[in-house]
Protein backbone atom coordinates (compact mmCIF):
# COMPACT_ATOMS: atom_id res chain seq x y z
CA UNK A 1 -167.76 95.60 127.02
CA UNK A 2 -164.68 97.74 126.61
CA UNK A 3 -163.02 97.78 123.16
CA UNK A 4 -159.61 96.52 122.86
CA UNK A 5 -158.78 99.80 121.03
CA UNK A 6 -159.38 101.79 124.31
CA UNK A 7 -157.91 99.31 126.79
CA UNK A 8 -154.20 99.58 126.12
CA UNK A 9 -153.10 99.01 129.77
CA UNK A 10 -155.09 95.67 130.21
CA UNK A 11 -153.75 94.59 126.91
CA UNK A 12 -150.06 95.24 127.80
CA UNK A 13 -150.67 93.27 131.13
CA UNK A 14 -152.02 90.39 129.23
CA UNK A 15 -149.22 90.65 126.69
CA UNK A 16 -146.67 90.81 129.47
CA UNK A 17 -148.13 87.55 131.02
CA UNK A 18 -148.22 86.00 127.61
CA UNK A 19 -144.61 87.00 127.22
CA UNK A 20 -143.52 85.53 130.51
CA UNK A 21 -145.16 82.34 129.60
CA UNK A 22 -143.70 82.25 126.15
CA UNK A 23 -140.30 82.91 127.51
CA UNK A 24 -140.33 79.99 129.68
CA UNK A 25 -141.74 77.98 126.85
CA UNK A 26 -138.96 78.71 124.41
CA UNK A 27 -136.27 77.14 126.72
CA UNK A 28 -137.99 73.80 125.90
CA UNK A 29 -136.61 71.43 123.32
CA UNK A 30 -139.05 72.40 120.55
CA UNK A 31 -138.22 76.11 121.10
CA UNK A 32 -134.48 75.52 121.04
CA UNK A 33 -134.72 73.29 117.75
CA UNK A 34 -136.76 75.97 116.13
CA UNK A 35 -134.24 78.69 116.84
CA UNK A 36 -131.28 76.52 116.05
CA UNK A 37 -132.91 75.72 112.60
CA UNK A 38 -133.48 79.50 111.91
CA UNK A 39 -129.88 80.29 112.92
CA UNK A 40 -128.38 77.54 110.86
CA UNK A 41 -130.46 78.39 107.72
CA UNK A 42 -128.59 78.45 104.29
CA UNK A 43 -126.78 81.53 103.58
CA UNK A 44 -128.60 84.47 101.65
CA UNK A 45 -127.29 84.44 98.11
CA UNK A 46 -126.73 88.21 97.99
CA UNK A 47 -125.28 88.23 101.33
CA UNK A 48 -122.79 85.58 100.47
CA UNK A 49 -121.55 87.38 97.42
CA UNK A 50 -121.36 90.60 99.21
CA UNK A 51 -119.42 88.91 102.09
CA UNK A 52 -116.99 87.31 99.25
CA UNK A 53 -116.30 90.76 97.67
CA UNK A 54 -115.55 92.30 101.06
CA UNK A 55 -113.36 89.44 101.96
CA UNK A 56 -111.32 89.76 98.98
CA UNK A 57 -110.88 93.56 99.67
CA UNK A 58 -110.05 93.04 103.20
CA UNK A 59 -106.79 91.30 102.35
CA UNK A 60 -105.76 94.42 100.71
CA UNK A 61 -102.68 96.25 102.27
CA UNK A 62 -102.88 98.81 105.14
CA UNK A 63 -100.03 100.54 107.03
CA UNK A 64 -98.50 97.86 108.97
CA UNK A 65 -97.74 94.26 109.01
CA UNK A 66 -100.66 92.23 110.16
CA UNK A 67 -100.60 89.66 113.08
CA UNK A 68 -103.17 86.67 113.27
CA UNK A 69 -105.59 88.61 115.12
CA UNK A 70 -105.38 91.75 112.73
CA UNK A 71 -106.10 89.40 109.85
CA UNK A 72 -109.11 88.07 111.90
CA UNK A 73 -110.54 91.62 112.63
CA UNK A 74 -110.15 92.68 109.13
CA UNK A 75 -111.66 89.69 107.56
CA UNK A 76 -114.45 89.34 110.11
CA UNK A 77 -115.50 92.81 110.09
CA UNK A 78 -115.44 93.35 106.45
CA UNK A 79 -117.41 90.04 105.88
CA UNK A 80 -120.29 91.28 108.27
CA UNK A 81 -120.47 94.59 106.29
CA UNK A 82 -120.39 92.84 103.10
CA UNK A 83 -123.02 90.13 104.04
CA UNK A 84 -125.55 92.88 105.35
CA UNK A 85 -124.92 95.09 102.30
CA UNK A 86 -125.41 92.19 99.79
CA UNK A 87 -128.47 90.88 101.52
CA UNK A 88 -130.11 94.32 101.50
CA UNK A 89 -129.05 94.93 97.79
CA UNK A 90 -130.64 91.63 96.86
CA UNK A 91 -133.83 92.64 98.64
CA UNK A 92 -134.00 95.83 96.84
CA UNK A 93 -133.49 94.18 93.44
CA UNK A 94 -135.92 91.55 94.28
CA UNK A 95 -138.60 94.01 94.83
CA UNK A 96 -137.72 96.54 92.18
CA UNK A 97 -137.43 94.00 89.44
CA UNK A 98 -141.11 93.14 88.90
CA UNK A 99 -141.98 96.80 88.77
CA UNK A 100 -139.38 97.37 86.18
CA UNK A 101 -140.35 94.25 84.19
CA UNK A 102 -137.28 92.52 84.77
CA UNK A 103 -136.92 88.74 84.94
CA UNK A 104 -133.81 86.80 84.98
CA UNK A 105 -133.86 82.84 84.52
CA UNK A 106 -131.39 80.30 83.76
CA UNK A 107 -132.44 77.12 81.67
CA UNK A 108 -132.58 73.75 83.60
CA UNK A 109 -129.89 72.20 81.49
CA UNK A 110 -127.45 75.14 81.98
CA UNK A 111 -127.85 75.49 85.78
CA UNK A 112 -125.20 73.12 86.58
CA UNK A 113 -122.67 74.71 84.42
CA UNK A 114 -123.50 78.14 85.79
CA UNK A 115 -123.11 76.75 89.28
CA UNK A 116 -119.63 75.37 88.34
CA UNK A 117 -118.46 78.48 86.54
CA UNK A 118 -119.62 80.55 89.56
CA UNK A 119 -118.03 78.34 92.18
CA UNK A 120 -114.71 78.07 90.15
CA UNK A 121 -114.61 82.04 89.86
CA UNK A 122 -115.31 82.33 93.52
CA UNK A 123 -112.61 79.96 94.48
CA UNK A 124 -110.09 81.49 91.97
CA UNK A 125 -110.57 85.10 92.92
CA UNK A 126 -110.55 84.02 96.60
CA UNK A 127 -107.13 82.21 96.10
CA UNK A 128 -105.75 85.14 94.17
CA UNK A 129 -106.70 87.91 96.51
CA UNK A 130 -105.28 85.94 99.55
CA UNK A 131 -102.02 85.33 97.91
CA UNK A 132 -101.87 88.88 96.63
CA UNK A 133 -102.52 89.87 100.21
CA UNK A 134 -99.89 87.82 101.76
CA UNK A 135 -97.30 89.18 99.37
CA UNK A 136 -98.49 92.72 100.04
CA UNK A 137 -97.97 91.85 103.80
CA UNK A 138 -94.10 91.02 102.95
CA UNK A 139 -93.85 94.30 101.02
CA UNK A 140 -95.17 96.29 104.06
CA UNK A 141 -92.79 94.30 106.30
CA UNK A 142 -89.87 95.51 104.29
CA UNK A 143 -90.97 99.24 104.04
CA UNK A 144 -91.20 99.30 107.94
CA UNK A 145 -88.02 97.29 108.51
CA UNK A 146 -89.71 94.32 110.08
CA UNK A 147 -89.33 90.67 109.74
CA UNK A 148 -92.23 89.18 107.61
CA UNK A 149 -94.86 86.99 109.29
CA UNK A 150 -94.68 83.47 108.62
CA UNK A 151 -97.34 81.77 106.47
CA UNK A 152 -99.23 80.23 109.77
CA UNK A 153 -100.03 83.75 110.84
CA UNK A 154 -101.92 84.56 107.56
CA UNK A 155 -103.64 81.07 107.77
CA UNK A 156 -104.73 81.21 111.22
CA UNK A 157 -106.00 84.76 110.85
CA UNK A 158 -108.00 84.02 107.92
CA UNK A 159 -109.64 81.01 109.71
CA UNK A 160 -110.37 83.09 112.77
CA UNK A 161 -111.92 85.76 110.60
CA UNK A 162 -114.25 83.44 108.91
CA UNK A 163 -115.19 81.97 112.37
CA UNK A 164 -115.82 85.65 113.78
CA UNK A 165 -118.09 86.45 110.68
CA UNK A 166 -120.11 83.31 110.94
CA UNK A 167 -120.43 84.03 114.69
CA UNK A 168 -121.67 87.68 113.97
CA UNK A 169 -124.18 86.19 111.49
CA UNK A 170 -125.50 83.71 114.18
CA UNK A 171 -126.08 86.62 116.57
CA UNK A 172 -127.84 88.57 113.72
CA UNK A 173 -130.16 85.67 112.99
CA UNK A 174 -130.71 85.25 116.85
CA UNK A 175 -131.89 88.80 117.15
CA UNK A 176 -134.16 88.48 114.01
CA UNK A 177 -135.71 85.27 115.79
CA UNK A 178 -136.29 87.19 118.88
CA UNK A 179 -138.02 89.94 116.96
CA UNK A 180 -140.28 87.36 115.38
CA UNK A 181 -140.92 85.86 118.98
CA UNK A 182 -142.09 89.20 120.12
CA UNK A 183 -144.42 89.71 116.97
CA UNK A 184 -146.05 86.23 117.48
CA UNK A 185 -146.69 87.08 121.26
CA UNK A 186 -148.14 90.59 120.46
CA UNK A 187 -150.02 89.84 117.42
CA UNK A 188 -153.22 88.58 119.15
CA UNK A 189 -153.59 91.71 121.18
CA UNK A 190 -152.54 94.61 119.17
CA UNK A 191 -153.05 96.34 115.84
CA UNK A 192 -150.56 95.26 113.06
CA UNK A 193 -148.67 98.67 113.10
CA UNK A 194 -148.41 98.53 116.83
CA UNK A 195 -147.03 95.08 116.77
CA UNK A 196 -144.26 96.16 114.31
CA UNK A 197 -143.27 99.09 116.33
CA UNK A 198 -143.32 97.50 119.77
CA UNK A 199 -141.68 94.34 118.69
CA UNK A 200 -138.63 96.47 117.43
CA UNK A 201 -138.65 98.46 120.58
CA UNK A 202 -138.62 95.41 122.62
CA UNK A 203 -135.84 93.69 120.56
CA UNK A 204 -133.83 96.82 120.70
CA UNK A 205 -134.10 96.89 124.42
CA UNK A 206 -133.20 93.25 124.67
CA UNK A 207 -130.10 93.73 122.61
CA UNK A 208 -129.16 96.87 124.49
CA UNK A 209 -129.45 94.99 128.00
CA UNK A 210 -127.16 92.15 126.74
CA UNK A 211 -124.70 94.49 125.11
CA UNK A 212 -124.57 96.83 128.13
CA UNK A 213 -124.00 93.60 130.26
CA UNK A 214 -121.32 92.32 128.09
CA UNK A 215 -119.60 95.37 127.14
CA UNK A 216 -120.01 97.74 130.22
CA UNK A 217 -120.55 95.21 132.93
CA UNK A 218 -117.76 92.79 131.82
CA UNK A 219 -115.42 94.14 129.24
CA UNK A 220 -115.26 97.82 130.24
CA UNK A 221 -115.14 97.09 133.96
CA UNK A 222 -112.43 94.53 133.38
CA UNK A 223 -110.40 96.96 131.51
CA UNK A 224 -110.67 99.50 134.05
CA UNK A 225 -109.85 96.96 136.87
CA UNK A 226 -106.71 96.02 134.73
CA UNK A 227 -105.85 99.74 134.28
CA UNK A 228 -106.30 100.47 138.05
CA UNK A 229 -104.31 97.31 139.08
CA UNK A 230 -101.24 98.15 136.67
CA UNK A 231 -101.28 101.81 138.03
CA UNK A 232 -100.88 100.69 141.45
CA UNK A 233 -98.22 97.96 140.68
CA UNK A 234 -94.76 99.03 142.20
CA UNK A 235 -92.28 97.05 139.97
CA UNK A 236 -89.01 95.98 141.65
CA UNK A 237 -87.00 96.88 138.66
CA UNK A 238 -88.11 100.64 138.94
CA UNK A 239 -85.93 102.05 141.76
CA UNK A 240 -87.12 104.96 143.80
CA UNK A 241 -84.88 107.98 142.85
CA UNK A 242 -82.59 109.17 145.63
CA UNK A 243 -82.00 112.65 143.98
CA UNK A 244 -84.05 115.56 145.53
CA UNK A 245 -84.41 116.83 141.89
CA UNK A 246 -86.94 114.07 141.20
CA UNK A 247 -90.66 113.88 142.31
CA UNK A 248 -91.08 110.82 144.38
CA UNK A 249 -87.66 110.82 146.15
CA UNK A 250 -87.31 111.02 150.01
CA UNK A 251 -87.23 114.76 149.73
CA UNK A 252 -90.06 115.11 147.51
CA UNK A 253 -93.56 116.48 148.53
CA UNK A 254 -95.08 113.66 146.30
CA UNK A 255 -94.89 110.28 147.62
CA UNK A 256 -93.47 107.27 145.59
CA UNK A 257 -96.75 105.44 145.72
CA UNK A 258 -98.79 108.49 144.66
CA UNK A 259 -97.06 108.77 141.29
CA UNK A 260 -98.61 105.81 139.56
CA UNK A 261 -96.73 103.24 137.57
CA UNK A 262 -96.02 105.48 134.59
CA UNK A 263 -94.96 108.45 136.96
CA UNK A 264 -92.63 106.14 138.86
CA UNK A 265 -90.98 104.91 135.66
CA UNK A 266 -90.66 108.56 134.44
CA UNK A 267 -88.85 109.93 137.53
CA UNK A 268 -86.50 106.82 137.96
CA UNK A 269 -85.42 107.00 134.32
CA UNK A 270 -82.91 109.34 132.32
CA UNK A 271 -79.40 109.90 132.56
CA UNK A 272 -77.43 110.99 135.56
CA UNK A 273 -75.00 113.87 135.66
CA UNK A 274 -72.09 111.47 135.10
CA UNK A 275 -73.46 109.99 131.90
CA UNK A 276 -74.24 113.47 130.64
CA UNK A 277 -70.80 114.90 131.37
CA UNK A 278 -69.17 111.86 129.93
CA UNK A 279 -70.99 111.58 126.74
CA UNK A 280 -70.85 115.60 126.11
CA UNK A 281 -67.24 115.84 127.17
CA UNK A 282 -68.14 118.74 129.45
CA UNK A 283 -69.48 119.39 132.88
CA UNK A 284 -73.36 119.01 133.15
CA UNK A 285 -76.04 119.65 135.59
CA UNK A 286 -78.42 117.05 137.13
CA UNK A 287 -81.89 117.33 135.22
CA UNK A 288 -85.05 117.84 137.11
CA UNK A 289 -87.98 115.72 136.51
CA UNK A 290 -91.27 116.75 138.22
CA UNK A 291 -94.56 114.67 138.34
CA UNK A 292 -97.90 114.29 140.09
CA UNK A 293 -100.77 112.32 139.59
CA UNK A 294 -104.59 113.06 140.11
CA UNK A 295 -106.42 110.69 142.54
CA UNK A 296 -109.75 110.44 144.22
CA UNK A 297 -108.69 112.70 147.04
CA UNK A 298 -107.59 115.55 144.87
CA UNK A 299 -108.84 117.29 141.70
CA UNK A 300 -107.04 118.16 138.51
CA UNK A 301 -106.56 121.63 139.79
CA UNK A 302 -104.79 120.30 142.93
CA UNK A 303 -102.53 118.00 141.03
CA UNK A 304 -101.41 120.99 138.99
CA UNK A 305 -100.74 122.89 142.23
CA UNK A 306 -98.73 119.99 143.35
CA UNK A 307 -96.61 120.13 140.40
CA UNK A 308 -96.07 123.77 141.00
CA UNK A 309 -94.91 123.10 144.47
CA UNK A 310 -92.54 120.45 143.14
CA UNK A 311 -91.12 122.94 140.65
CA UNK A 312 -90.77 125.33 143.47
CA UNK A 313 -88.98 122.91 145.80
CA UNK A 314 -86.42 121.94 143.10
CA UNK A 315 -85.68 125.39 141.93
CA UNK A 316 -86.85 124.63 138.46
CA UNK A 317 -87.29 128.39 137.54
CA UNK A 318 -83.61 128.72 137.67
CA UNK A 319 -82.99 126.33 134.81
CA UNK A 320 -82.59 127.46 131.22
CA UNK A 321 -85.33 125.32 129.71
CA UNK A 322 -88.59 124.12 131.23
CA UNK A 323 -90.51 121.67 129.20
CA UNK A 324 -94.37 120.79 129.97
CA UNK A 325 -95.36 117.49 128.77
CA UNK A 326 -99.04 116.24 128.48
CA UNK A 327 -99.11 112.51 128.84
CA UNK A 328 -101.20 109.83 127.24
CA UNK A 329 -104.06 108.42 128.91
CA UNK A 330 -102.00 106.38 131.39
CA UNK A 331 -99.66 109.19 132.07
CA UNK A 332 -96.84 107.66 130.02
CA UNK A 333 -94.21 109.89 128.39
CA UNK A 334 -91.73 109.09 125.71
CA UNK A 335 -88.28 108.69 127.30
CA UNK A 336 -86.55 109.35 124.16
CA UNK A 337 -88.13 112.84 124.11
CA UNK A 338 -87.29 113.38 127.79
CA UNK A 339 -83.60 112.26 127.39
CA UNK A 340 -83.06 114.17 124.22
CA UNK A 341 -83.94 117.48 126.03
CA UNK A 342 -81.62 116.60 128.97
CA UNK A 343 -78.63 115.79 126.82
CA UNK A 344 -79.00 118.84 124.48
CA UNK A 345 -79.20 121.03 127.25
CA UNK A 346 -76.49 119.39 129.35
CA UNK A 347 -78.93 118.87 132.14
CA UNK A 348 -79.60 122.43 132.61
CA UNK A 349 -83.47 121.83 132.22
CA UNK A 350 -86.64 120.69 134.07
CA UNK A 351 -89.56 118.57 132.60
CA UNK A 352 -93.01 118.48 134.28
CA UNK A 353 -96.26 116.39 133.86
CA UNK A 354 -99.25 115.30 135.32
CA UNK A 355 -101.08 112.10 135.27
CA UNK A 356 -104.84 113.00 134.48
CA UNK A 357 -106.05 109.40 134.13
CA UNK A 358 -104.66 105.87 134.45
CA UNK A 359 -106.81 104.33 131.40
CA UNK A 360 -105.21 103.27 128.30
CA UNK A 361 -105.48 106.41 125.52
CA UNK A 362 -108.41 104.65 123.65
CA UNK A 363 -110.50 104.06 126.56
CA UNK A 364 -109.70 107.72 127.94
CA UNK A 365 -110.82 109.13 124.71
CA UNK A 366 -113.97 107.40 124.76
CA UNK A 367 -114.89 107.84 128.42
CA UNK A 368 -113.03 111.00 129.48
CA UNK A 369 -112.23 113.11 126.58
CA UNK A 370 -112.13 116.17 128.44
CA UNK A 371 -109.33 115.40 130.99
CA UNK A 372 -106.53 115.57 128.69
CA UNK A 373 -107.55 118.87 127.45
CA UNK A 374 -108.02 120.18 130.74
CA UNK A 375 -104.67 118.81 131.95
CA UNK A 376 -102.95 120.74 129.03
CA UNK A 377 -104.78 124.00 129.67
CA UNK A 378 -104.44 123.95 133.37
CA UNK A 379 -100.66 123.06 133.58
CA UNK A 380 -99.68 125.63 131.08
CA UNK A 381 -101.83 128.23 132.36
CA UNK A 382 -100.48 127.78 135.94
CA UNK A 383 -96.98 127.81 134.94
CA UNK A 384 -97.27 130.82 132.64
CA UNK A 385 -98.98 132.71 135.62
CA UNK A 386 -95.81 131.84 137.86
CA UNK A 387 -93.36 132.78 135.15
CA UNK A 388 -95.09 136.19 134.80
CA UNK A 389 -94.05 136.82 138.48
CA UNK A 390 -90.47 136.41 137.83
CA UNK A 391 -88.17 138.99 136.23
CA UNK A 392 -87.82 138.65 132.62
CA UNK A 393 -84.13 137.74 132.83
CA UNK A 394 -84.74 134.93 135.37
CA UNK A 395 -87.44 133.13 133.34
CA UNK A 396 -86.47 129.77 131.64
CA UNK A 397 -87.43 129.34 128.12
CA UNK A 398 -90.83 127.51 127.99
CA UNK A 399 -91.74 124.52 125.71
CA UNK A 400 -94.58 122.33 125.42
CA UNK A 401 -94.72 118.73 124.18
CA UNK A 402 -96.93 115.69 123.94
CA UNK A 403 -97.54 112.48 121.97
CA UNK A 404 -100.69 110.76 120.78
CA UNK A 405 -103.40 111.64 123.14
CA UNK A 406 -100.95 113.88 124.92
CA UNK A 407 -100.52 115.99 121.76
CA UNK A 408 -104.36 116.11 121.35
CA UNK A 409 -104.65 117.40 125.01
CA UNK A 410 -101.28 119.71 125.06
CA UNK A 411 -102.71 121.55 122.03
CA UNK A 412 -106.01 122.18 123.58
CA UNK A 413 -104.12 124.85 125.71
CA UNK A 414 -104.29 127.21 122.57
CA UNK A 415 -107.20 128.41 120.70
CA UNK A 416 -105.28 128.88 117.57
CA UNK A 417 -101.64 128.86 116.10
CA UNK A 418 -100.79 132.54 116.79
CA UNK A 419 -101.78 132.13 120.32
CA UNK A 420 -99.36 129.03 120.75
CA UNK A 421 -96.51 131.20 118.99
CA UNK A 422 -97.37 133.99 121.57
CA UNK A 423 -97.34 131.74 124.68
CA UNK A 424 -94.34 129.38 124.40
CA UNK A 425 -90.78 129.37 122.98
CA UNK A 426 -91.31 126.19 121.08
CA UNK A 427 -93.32 123.01 120.88
CA UNK A 428 -92.87 119.29 119.73
CA UNK A 429 -96.12 117.44 118.97
CA UNK A 430 -95.52 113.66 118.01
CA UNK A 431 -98.03 111.44 116.44
CA UNK A 432 -101.01 113.97 116.56
CA UNK A 433 -104.42 112.41 115.89
CA UNK A 434 -105.90 114.11 112.99
CA UNK A 435 -109.19 115.07 114.90
CA UNK A 436 -107.01 117.60 116.79
CA UNK A 437 -108.46 121.01 116.32
CA UNK A 438 -105.43 123.08 115.96
CA UNK A 439 -104.00 120.48 113.51
CA UNK A 440 -107.12 120.76 111.47
CA UNK A 441 -106.54 124.63 111.55
CA UNK A 442 -102.93 124.04 110.29
CA UNK A 443 -104.09 121.94 107.38
CA UNK A 444 -106.53 124.41 106.23
CA UNK A 445 -103.82 126.79 105.93
CA UNK A 446 -101.41 124.65 104.12
CA UNK A 447 -99.70 125.72 100.75
CA UNK A 448 -101.55 124.28 97.99
CA UNK A 449 -99.86 121.31 96.18
CA UNK A 450 -97.98 120.43 99.52
CA UNK A 451 -98.56 116.60 100.48
CA UNK A 452 -101.31 115.97 103.19
CA UNK A 453 -98.90 113.84 105.05
CA UNK A 454 -96.48 116.88 105.40
CA UNK A 455 -98.37 120.13 104.65
CA UNK A 456 -96.05 123.34 104.07
CA UNK A 457 -97.32 125.82 106.72
CA UNK A 458 -96.42 129.59 105.94
CA UNK A 459 -93.30 128.37 104.22
CA UNK A 460 -92.10 126.78 107.40
CA UNK A 461 -91.17 129.79 109.06
CA UNK A 462 -92.47 128.60 112.59
CA UNK A 463 -94.16 125.42 111.86
CA UNK A 464 -92.72 122.53 110.28
CA UNK A 465 -94.20 118.88 109.67
CA UNK A 466 -91.59 116.33 109.88
CA UNK A 467 -91.90 112.62 108.89
CA UNK A 468 -88.02 111.92 109.05
CA UNK A 469 -85.19 114.02 110.33
CA UNK A 470 -84.31 115.29 106.91
CA UNK A 471 -87.73 117.24 106.71
CA UNK A 472 -86.57 119.50 109.52
CA UNK A 473 -84.55 121.52 106.77
CA UNK A 474 -86.26 120.71 103.57
CA UNK A 475 -89.86 119.99 102.78
CA UNK A 476 -91.21 116.74 101.92
CA UNK A 477 -90.32 117.20 98.25
CA UNK A 478 -86.71 118.39 98.92
CA UNK A 479 -87.60 122.10 98.58
CA UNK A 480 -86.04 124.68 100.70
CA UNK A 481 -88.01 126.46 103.61
CA UNK A 482 -87.99 130.03 104.45
CA UNK A 483 -85.38 130.75 107.24
CA UNK A 484 -86.49 129.26 110.71
CA UNK A 485 -87.87 131.84 112.96
CA UNK A 486 -88.57 131.56 116.77
CA UNK A 487 -90.75 130.12 118.32
CA UNK A 488 -90.33 126.69 116.39
CA UNK A 489 -93.14 124.13 116.52
CA UNK A 490 -92.52 120.60 114.96
CA UNK A 491 -95.17 118.22 114.33
CA UNK A 492 -93.51 114.78 113.90
CA UNK A 493 -95.67 112.03 112.24
CA UNK A 494 -94.82 109.10 110.24
CA UNK A 495 -96.73 108.16 107.11
CA UNK A 496 -97.11 104.84 108.44
CA UNK A 497 -98.69 105.93 111.78
CA UNK A 498 -102.23 104.70 112.00
CA UNK A 499 -102.82 106.78 115.28
CA UNK A 500 -102.27 109.97 112.95
CA UNK A 501 -104.62 109.04 110.23
CA UNK A 502 -107.29 107.31 112.07
CA UNK A 503 -110.56 109.10 112.10
CA UNK A 504 -114.30 108.46 111.76
CA UNK A 505 -114.86 110.09 108.44
CA UNK A 506 -112.62 107.11 106.99
CA UNK A 507 -115.79 105.11 107.09
CA UNK A 508 -117.42 107.08 104.17
CA UNK A 509 -114.82 109.36 102.67
CA UNK A 510 -111.48 108.86 100.97
CA UNK A 511 -108.79 111.25 102.84
CA UNK A 512 -106.53 113.31 100.90
CA UNK A 513 -103.31 111.56 102.37
CA UNK A 514 -104.52 108.24 101.00
CA UNK A 515 -105.69 109.52 97.79
CA UNK A 516 -102.18 111.10 97.05
CA UNK A 517 -100.28 107.89 97.83
CA UNK A 518 -96.82 109.66 98.59
CA UNK A 519 -95.84 108.13 102.11
CA UNK A 520 -92.32 106.74 101.84
CA UNK A 521 -93.06 103.86 104.29
CA UNK A 522 -96.55 103.02 103.07
CA UNK A 523 -97.16 100.91 100.05
CA UNK A 524 -98.76 102.72 97.15
CA UNK A 525 -100.96 99.64 96.53
CA UNK A 526 -103.02 100.86 99.51
CA UNK A 527 -106.67 101.83 98.44
CA UNK A 528 -109.50 103.32 100.28
CA UNK A 529 -112.81 101.34 100.51
CA UNK A 530 -115.87 102.36 102.56
CA UNK A 531 -116.06 100.76 106.00
CA UNK A 532 -113.17 98.45 105.39
CA UNK A 533 -110.20 100.90 105.44
CA UNK A 534 -111.62 102.36 108.64
CA UNK A 535 -111.35 98.96 110.46
CA UNK A 536 -108.00 98.18 108.51
CA UNK A 537 -106.21 101.27 110.05
CA UNK A 538 -107.92 100.78 113.53
CA UNK A 539 -106.40 97.20 113.51
CA UNK A 540 -103.20 98.53 112.71
CA UNK A 541 -103.34 100.90 115.84
CA UNK A 542 -102.61 98.71 118.89
CA UNK A 543 -99.32 97.35 117.85
CA UNK A 544 -98.06 100.63 116.10
CA UNK A 545 -95.76 101.41 118.88
CA UNK A 546 -93.89 98.17 118.80
CA UNK A 547 -92.44 98.40 115.25
CA UNK A 548 -88.89 99.68 114.49
CA UNK A 549 -88.23 103.44 115.50
CA UNK A 550 -89.01 105.81 112.56
CA UNK A 551 -92.22 104.03 111.51
CA UNK A 552 -95.73 103.50 112.68
CA UNK A 553 -96.27 105.08 116.28
CA UNK A 554 -92.76 104.61 117.38
CA UNK A 555 -90.75 108.03 117.71
CA UNK A 556 -87.54 107.38 119.25
CA UNK A 557 -84.04 108.30 117.90
CA UNK A 558 -85.37 111.05 115.61
CA UNK A 559 -86.45 112.99 118.85
CA UNK A 560 -82.81 114.00 119.25
CA UNK A 561 -82.43 116.14 115.98
CA UNK A 562 -86.02 117.31 116.25
CA UNK A 563 -85.56 118.86 119.72
CA UNK A 564 -82.06 120.13 118.76
CA UNK A 565 -83.89 122.15 115.91
CA UNK A 566 -86.79 123.44 118.29
CA UNK A 567 -84.26 124.43 120.90
CA UNK A 568 -82.41 126.36 118.07
CA UNK A 569 -79.14 124.62 118.14
CA UNK A 570 -78.53 125.43 114.38
CA UNK A 571 -75.11 125.18 113.07
CA UNK A 572 -73.38 126.27 109.77
CA UNK A 573 -73.59 123.67 107.09
CA UNK A 574 -69.71 122.84 107.33
CA UNK A 575 -70.43 121.93 110.97
CA UNK A 576 -73.36 119.46 110.24
CA UNK A 577 -71.34 116.29 110.11
CA UNK A 578 -70.00 117.11 113.51
CA UNK A 579 -73.46 117.83 114.84
CA UNK A 580 -74.72 114.45 113.35
CA UNK A 581 -71.79 112.57 115.17
CA UNK A 582 -72.73 114.35 118.27
CA UNK A 583 -76.51 113.34 117.89
CA UNK A 584 -75.31 109.66 117.31
CA UNK A 585 -73.20 109.60 120.55
CA UNK A 586 -76.34 110.84 122.35
CA UNK A 587 -78.56 108.16 120.85
CA UNK A 588 -76.02 105.49 121.79
CA UNK A 589 -75.90 106.87 125.30
CA UNK A 590 -79.68 106.83 125.61
CA UNK A 591 -79.72 103.28 124.43
CA UNK A 592 -77.51 102.18 127.20
CA UNK A 593 -80.46 102.49 129.80
CA UNK A 594 -83.36 102.52 127.49
CA UNK A 595 -82.87 99.81 125.01
CA UNK A 596 -86.25 98.70 124.19
CA UNK A 597 -87.19 102.29 123.03
């Protein structure tokens, strides 16, 4: 007779048959009742206390006013973390106490009083933290010039967060019961150690399959399908340009449909020559806007070649200024930035960009992080090679720009800051994510003592970090920079922009910008907590572009003075009031066709 120890294959076959039979069995009423009883078991004491503490912390302020779903996400994720941590700590204490000789007991006649005191403390602290959190939300609303949310928003969000945390607990308990089921099935056939290992492997595989079907099979595919549909949509309120100086026009080498929805919006927008002339009080030229989109029928390199063909066709090389934009994941560009360049140059400019993806930026960063980096490098490299073929006196001044993921991708064209200063005549990087390598290099070179939200780089000779327009000429503390030198590079970033400050190390480390608490539009009451702050800032991100310009991820009117500085349009101090009036007129003109910002 063959020993079980030396017959693993037969045992696995037998276990498989038993597993198949058991899976059918658990669908019956008895199995369902047993699992339901396990899932609905009383809460773990340590887990409940941990979830309570993290729920109190989750009401603390972050960067932007919270909607109901932001409240729900903060409370739900925080309580999951707190429950798991509390339950784990309770188990550690429970096992360590006998070894240390510790024993805590409450006399029977004092238990009722202890329960009453504990419950009263929990209710009181919960009410206090919630009310304090609501008041802090009002403070944040005022800081970013938004209307405070009504009380129903906070109530509904809190209830939804509690529901989400209980649902997560049910899922965790169901997973634990699945592991127990596998152990029961394998125990008669395998040694104890093998049972533990194999049950864990099977449970992990079961969870992985379910998550894959839910996340990748449903959520991710649905997001991709929506992105594809949105990119194909030809909106009736976005007219096809008639000017031959726009991609997608009848004279263009790029068809109107091929540009994608963001590209069509870009080439159809902006000021015409009449509005430019009327606003500036002088004759202007019609600006050039060039755009091409990557598709399944052509590579990114071929898309860059299409942009060059459009620049050739429109004689963009004869313009005074050429600006290369790297777009966000969908190919979107900020109209305020495009229009500011066109007004400030009197239309004697050309802007060019490519669509390297049609996914939203978070999805692009997760599934295709290389595309924005390749797009920035390929476009700049191709344009620089073409410019090198022109006589120096005929070359336009070359600038680069990008916002958010576009800033991350655009900066990837340079190994370091000196190379950027050698390669272009200026740059505007807006809402740069903190994980951008070039930005991290700059922070390492910052002057000691300068704030993390606006580090001073080499005295501001070439690179200046701007949180508001006044930072163009003085540092964040009001001190003078060294004289501007060309090329000029501006990093525009608001203290309240979660896209800038969101990073994975927030899970376990307090960042310098939060430790300093110097942001003018961020409450000083904001504190760092492991795990919780990470999700608070993550929840702030989706709606950060919808807040009033000058806060969050909304970079709008300030782009006019920023581009004026980078283009070198300096004036003597006595002429500054006149320049501000001129900028105000440009801003008012942009609002006539771009009111939403």
